[in-house]
Amino acid sequence: MATENNYLNHTQKRDRAEAMAACADKACRDKVRAEYAAEWEKNKREVTDCSTQSECLTLARDLRLEQQAQGERMAELQEKGPGNWSDAEKAEYADLRFGDASLNQLRTVAIANANKLAGDQPMDRKRSPGWWRMWGLGRQRGSGLVGRPINIPRTPVGLTI
């Protein structure tokens, strides 16, 4: 369960973990999985089908904020201590821990869609590093980009830094 439906927000992940922990049989677990799979698909479609540059950039920002919220929830659970976690909290923590990659992937999709919708007017390259920082990408610990040059071929039009 730790890697399924990873584009649920932190509240949805907690609710799903609690519902799964409360299930007594396979039929109940299957019902919960189906319910949250539908939520995941809805959330994913919202990102993949964004139709304006502004909408795509807003979704990318919201996904970044969701990553921060999920990090805060992980910190709350860590502070409580694994030995004090309920079964639902154990499942929630695993889901939060492994779900970050899906959020990154969806942010990339939203940003790529914004780029496509930008047309032929990319933002000035001198402003690009600021754009990366604004969206929480790039030269940060654990990003894999430390020490590598940032190469952005096209950046969304109208993005203010």
C-alpha atoms as a PDB file:
ATOM      1  CA  MET A   1       0.000   0.000   0.000  1.00  0.00           C
ATOM      2  CA  ALA A   2       2.918   2.370   0.523  1.00  0.00           C
ATOM      3  CA  THR A   3       3.191   3.311  -3.125  1.00  0.00           C
ATOM      4  CA  GLU A   4      -0.390   3.281  -4.371  1.00  0.00           C
ATOM      5  CA  ASN A   5      -2.441   6.403  -4.989  1.00  0.00           C
ATOM      6  CA  ASN A   6       0.411   8.742  -4.210  1.00  0.00           C
ATOM      7  CA  TYR A   7      -1.249  11.885  -5.446  1.00  0.00           C
ATOM      8  CA  LEU A   8      -3.621  12.156  -2.607  1.00  0.00           C
ATOM      9  CA  ASN A   9      -3.197  15.158  -0.369  1.00  0.00           C
ATOM     10  CA  HIS A  10      -2.002  14.605   3.175  1.00  0.00           C
ATOM     11  CA  THR A  11      -5.531  14.689   4.585  1.00  0.00           C
ATOM     12  CA  GLN A  12      -6.739  12.139   2.042  1.00  0.00           C
ATOM     13  CA  LYS A  13      -3.749   9.911   2.849  1.00  0.00           C
ATOM     14  CA  ARG A  14      -4.502  10.060   6.568  1.00  0.00           C
ATOM     15  CA  ASP A  15      -8.193   9.353   5.990  1.00  0.00           C
ATOM     16  CA  ARG A  16      -7.392   6.419   3.717  1.00  0.00           C
ATOM     17  CA  ALA A  17      -4.915   4.941   6.204  1.00  0.00           C
ATOM     18  CA  GLU A  18      -7.501   5.212   8.993  1.00  0.00           C
ATOM     19  CA  ALA A  19     -10.208   3.643   6.822  1.00  0.00           C
ATOM     20  CA  MET A  20      -7.895   0.766   5.837  1.00  0.00           C
ATOM     21  CA  ALA A  21      -6.922   0.173   9.468  1.00  0.00           C
ATOM     22  CA  ALA A  22     -10.593   0.065  10.451  1.00  0.00           C
ATOM     23  CA  CYS A  23     -11.397  -2.583   7.830  1.00  0.00           C
ATOM     24  CA  ALA A  24     -11.974  -6.089   9.122  1.00  0.00           C
ATOM     25  CA  ASP A  25     -12.031  -7.902   5.784  1.00  0.00           C
ATOM     26  CA  LYS A  26     -10.782  -7.859   2.203  1.00  0.00           C
ATOM     27  CA  ALA A  27     -14.071  -6.540   0.807  1.00  0.00           C
ATOM     28  CA  CYS A  28     -13.817  -3.454   2.998  1.00  0.00           C
ATOM     29  CA  ARG A  29     -10.171  -2.867   2.023  1.00  0.00           C
ATOM     30  CA  ASP A  30     -11.051  -3.261  -1.669  1.00  0.00           C
ATOM     31  CA  LYS A  31     -13.852  -0.709  -1.281  1.00  0.00           C
ATOM     32  CA  VAL A  32     -11.496   1.801   0.388  1.00  0.00           C
ATOM     33  CA  ARG A  33      -8.856   1.230  -2.306  1.00  0.00           C
ATOM     34  CA  ALA A  34     -11.424   1.808  -5.060  1.00  0.00           C
ATOM     35  CA  GLU A  35     -12.702   4.991  -3.420  1.00  0.00           C
ATOM     36  CA  TYR A  36      -9.244   6.504  -3.079  1.00  0.00           C
ATOM     37  CA  ALA A  37      -8.126   5.277  -6.511  1.00  0.00           C
ATOM     38  CA  ALA A  38     -10.958   7.381  -7.939  1.00  0.00           C
ATOM     39  CA  GLU A  39      -9.756  10.391  -5.897  1.00  0.00           C
ATOM     40  CA  TRP A  40      -6.205   9.821  -7.121  1.00  0.00           C
ATOM     41  CA  GLU A  41      -7.364   9.733 -10.753  1.00  0.00           C
ATOM     42  CA  LYS A  42      -9.368  12.932 -10.248  1.00  0.00           C
ATOM     43  CA  ASN A  43      -6.352  14.694  -8.722  1.00  0.00           C
ATOM     44  CA  LYS A  44      -4.056  13.406 -11.475  1.00  0.00           C
ATOM     45  CA  ARG A  45      -6.439  14.506 -14.267  1.00  0.00           C
ATOM     46  CA  GLU A  46      -6.585  17.982 -12.759  1.00  0.00           C
ATOM     47  CA  VAL A  47      -2.820  18.268 -13.264  1.00  0.00           C
ATOM     48  CA  THR A  48      -2.476  16.529 -16.614  1.00  0.00           C
ATOM     49  CA  ASP A  49      -5.439  18.357 -18.156  1.00  0.00           C
ATOM     50  CA  CYS A  50      -4.662  21.926 -17.052  1.00  0.00           C
ATOM     51  CA  SER A  51      -5.580  24.152 -19.975  1.00  0.00           C
ATOM     52  CA  THR A  52      -4.045  27.539 -19.251  1.00  0.00           C
ATOM     53  CA  GLN A  53      -0.549  28.524 -18.301  1.00  0.00           C
ATOM     54  CA  SER A  54      -1.839  30.208 -15.157  1.00  0.00           C
ATOM     55  CA  GLU A  55      -3.807  27.127 -14.112  1.00  0.00           C
ATOM     56  CA  CYS A  56      -0.792  24.854 -14.672  1.00  0.00           C
ATOM     57  CA  LEU A  57       1.513  27.134 -12.683  1.00  0.00           C
ATOM     58  CA  THR A  58      -1.016  27.360  -9.857  1.00  0.00           C
ATOM     59  CA  LEU A  59      -1.215  23.560  -9.753  1.00  0.00           C
ATOM     60  CA  ALA A  60       2.593  23.307  -9.688  1.00  0.00           C
ATOM     61  CA  ARG A  61       2.682  25.745  -6.769  1.00  0.00           C
ATOM     62  CA  ASP A  62      -0.106  23.868  -4.984  1.00  0.00           C
ATOM     63  CA  LEU A  63       1.772  20.589  -5.412  1.00  0.00           C
ATOM     64  CA  ARG A  64       4.853  22.199  -3.863  1.00  0.00           C
ATOM     65  CA  LEU A  65       2.746  23.412  -0.938  1.00  0.00           C
ATOM     66  CA  GLU A  66       1.307  19.909  -0.598  1.00  0.00           C
ATOM     67  CA  GLN A  67       4.839  18.501  -0.418  1.00  0.00           C
ATOM     68  CA  GLN A  68       5.577  20.919   2.390  1.00  0.00           C
ATOM     69  CA  ALA A  69       2.361  19.955   4.206  1.00  0.00           C
ATOM     70  CA  GLN A  70       3.226  16.282   3.847  1.00  0.00           C
ATOM     71  CA  GLY A  71       6.702  16.983   5.211  1.00  0.00           C
ATOM     72  CA  GLU A  72       5.145  18.718   8.209  1.00  0.00           C
ATOM     73  CA  ARG A  73       2.855  15.736   8.804  1.00  0.00           C
ATOM     74  CA  MET A  74       5.845  13.388   8.627  1.00  0.00           C
ATOM     75  CA  ALA A  75       7.617  15.559  11.201  1.00  0.00           C
ATOM     76  CA  GLU A  76       4.564  15.360  13.491  1.00  0.00           C
ATOM     77  CA  LEU A  77       4.577  11.587  13.246  1.00  0.00           C
ATOM     78  CA  GLN A  78       8.343  11.397  13.819  1.00  0.00           C
ATOM     79  CA  GLU A  79       7.986  13.580  16.901  1.00  0.00           C
ATOM     80  CA  LYS A  80       5.330  11.234  18.246  1.00  0.00           C
ATOM     81  CA  GLY A  81       7.745   8.347  17.720  1.00  0.00           C
ATOM     82  CA  PRO A  82       7.258   5.157  15.694  1.00  0.00           C
ATOM     83  CA  GLY A  83       6.697   3.121  18.837  1.00  0.00           C
ATOM     84  CA  ASN A  84       3.596   5.192  19.576  1.00  0.00           C
ATOM     85  CA  TRP A  85       2.028   5.002  16.113  1.00  0.00           C
ATOM     86  CA  SER A  86      -1.286   3.321  15.458  1.00  0.00           C
ATOM     87  CA  ASP A  87      -1.533   0.927  12.518  1.00  0.00           C
ATOM     88  CA  ALA A  88      -3.128   3.735  10.505  1.00  0.00           C
ATOM     89  CA  GLU A  89      -0.240   6.092  11.317  1.00  0.00           C
ATOM     90  CA  LYS A  90       2.305   3.459  10.252  1.00  0.00           C
ATOM     91  CA  ALA A  91       0.572   3.117   6.891  1.00  0.00           C
ATOM     92  CA  GLU A  92       0.191   6.885   6.577  1.00  0.00           C
ATOM     93  CA  TYR A  93       3.882   7.470   7.298  1.00  0.00           C
ATOM     94  CA  ALA A  94       4.958   4.928   4.676  1.00  0.00           C
ATOM     95  CA  ASP A  95       2.598   6.517   2.183  1.00  0.00           C
ATOM     96  CA  LEU A  96       3.896  10.014   2.920  1.00  0.00           C
ATOM     97  CA  ARG A  97       7.492   8.881   2.691  1.00  0.00           C
ATOM     98  CA  PHE A  98       7.128   7.211  -0.688  1.00  0.00           C
ATOM     99  CA  GLY A  99       4.579   9.603  -2.188  1.00  0.00           C
ATOM    100  CA  ASP A 100       6.964  12.524  -2.660  1.00  0.00           C
ATOM    101  CA  ALA A 101       8.266  11.136  -5.956  1.00  0.00           C
ATOM    102  CA  SER A 102       4.748  11.150  -7.404  1.00  0.00           C
ATOM    103  CA  LEU A 103       4.242  14.750  -6.340  1.00  0.00           C
ATOM    104  CA  ASN A 104       7.537  15.687  -8.008  1.00  0.00           C
ATOM    105  CA  GLN A 105       6.471  13.884 -11.159  1.00  0.00           C
ATOM    106  CA  LEU A 106       3.119  15.659 -11.264  1.00  0.00           C
ATOM    107  CA  ARG A 107       4.781  19.039 -10.615  1.00  0.00           C
ATOM    108  CA  THR A 108       7.024  18.333 -13.587  1.00  0.00           C
ATOM    109  CA  VAL A 109       3.944  17.586 -15.712  1.00  0.00           C
ATOM    110  CA  ALA A 110       2.253  20.818 -14.596  1.00  0.00           C
ATOM    111  CA  ILE A 111       5.374  22.878 -15.332  1.00  0.00           C
ATOM    112  CA  ALA A 112       5.852  21.173 -18.712  1.00  0.00           C
ATOM    113  CA  ASN A 113       2.222  21.925 -19.593  1.00  0.00           C
ATOM    114  CA  ALA A 114       2.754  25.560 -18.584  1.00  0.00           C
ATOM    115  CA  ASN A 115       5.800  25.648 -20.865  1.00  0.00           C
ATOM    116  CA  LYS A 116       3.788  24.253 -23.774  1.00  0.00           C
ATOM    117  CA  LEU A 117       1.110  26.853 -23.203  1.00  0.00           C
ATOM    118  CA  ALA A 118       3.728  29.633 -23.062  1.00  0.00           C
ATOM    119  CA  GLY A 119       4.106  29.576 -26.817  1.00  0.00           C
ATOM    120  CA  ASP A 120       7.262  31.012 -28.342  1.00  0.00           C
ATOM    121  CA  GLN A 121       8.001  33.635 -25.699  1.00  0.00           C
ATOM    122  CA  PRO A 122      10.232  32.084 -23.052  1.00  0.00           C
ATOM    123  CA  MET A 123      11.260  34.075 -20.028  1.00  0.00           C
ATOM    124  CA  ASP A 124      14.714  35.686 -20.041  1.00  0.00           C
ATOM    125  CA  ARG A 125      17.347  33.036 -19.207  1.00  0.00           C
ATOM    126  CA  LYS A 126      18.970  35.341 -16.622  1.00  0.00           C
ATOM    127  CA  ARG A 127      15.793  35.030 -14.551  1.00  0.00           C
ATOM    128  CA  SER A 128      15.598  31.230 -14.822  1.00  0.00           C
ATOM    129  CA  PRO A 129      17.510  30.351 -11.623  1.00  0.00           C
ATOM    130  CA  GLY A 130      15.080  32.509  -9.649  1.00  0.00           C
ATOM    131  CA  TRP A 131      12.210  30.658 -11.261  1.00  0.00           C
ATOM    132  CA  TRP A 132      13.653  27.329 -10.117  1.00  0.00           C
ATOM    133  CA  ARG A 133      14.013  28.586  -6.546  1.00  0.00           C
ATOM    134  CA  MET A 134      10.472  29.925  -6.551  1.00  0.00           C
ATOM    135  CA  TRP A 135       9.083  26.496  -7.378  1.00  0.00           C
ATOM    136  CA  GLY A 136      11.354  24.725  -4.908  1.00  0.00           C
ATOM    137  CA  LEU A 137      13.430  23.022  -7.557  1.00  0.00           C
ATOM    138  CA  GLY A 138      17.104  22.895  -8.274  1.00  0.00           C
ATOM    139  CA  ARG A 139      20.075  23.366  -6.070  1.00  0.00           C
ATOM    140  CA  GLN A 140      18.783  22.015  -2.821  1.00  0.00           C
ATOM    141  CA  ARG A 141      20.033  19.163  -0.756  1.00  0.00           C
ATOM    142  CA  GLY A 142      18.663  15.869  -1.970  1.00  0.00           C
ATOM    143  CA  SER A 143      17.472  17.216  -5.313  1.00  0.00           C
ATOM    144  CA  GLY A 144      20.252  15.587  -7.316  1.00  0.00           C
ATOM    145  CA  LEU A 145      21.038  18.912  -8.954  1.00  0.00           C
ATOM    146  CA  VAL A 146      23.628  20.267  -6.545  1.00  0.00           C
ATOM    147  CA  GLY A 147      26.683  21.323  -8.500  1.00  0.00           C
ATOM    148  CA  ARG A 148      25.023  20.784 -11.876  1.00  0.00           C
ATOM    149  CA  PRO A 149      24.213  23.676 -14.177  1.00  0.00           C
ATOM    150  CA  ILE A 150      20.567  24.519 -14.550  1.00  0.00           C
ATOM    151  CA  ASN A 151      19.485  24.341 -18.179  1.00  0.00           C
ATOM    152  CA  ILE A 152      15.967  25.525 -18.877  1.00  0.00           C
ATOM    153  CA  PRO A 153      15.106  25.680 -22.555  1.00  0.00           C
ATOM    154  CA  ARG A 154      11.776  27.503 -22.125  1.00  0.00           C
ATOM    155  CA  THR A 155      10.173  29.069 -19.117  1.00  0.00           C
ATOM    156  CA  PRO A 156       6.545  30.164 -18.820  1.00  0.00           C
ATOM    157  CA  VAL A 157       5.608  33.621 -20.031  1.00  0.00           C
ATOM    158  CA  GLY A 158       4.292  36.007 -17.428  1.00  0.00           C
ATOM    159  CA  LEU A 159       5.867  34.289 -14.457  1.00  0.00           C
ATOM    160  CA  THR A 160       6.930  36.903 -11.947  1.00  0.00           C
ATOM    161  CA  ILE A 161       9.755  36.275  -9.568  1.00  0.00           C
END
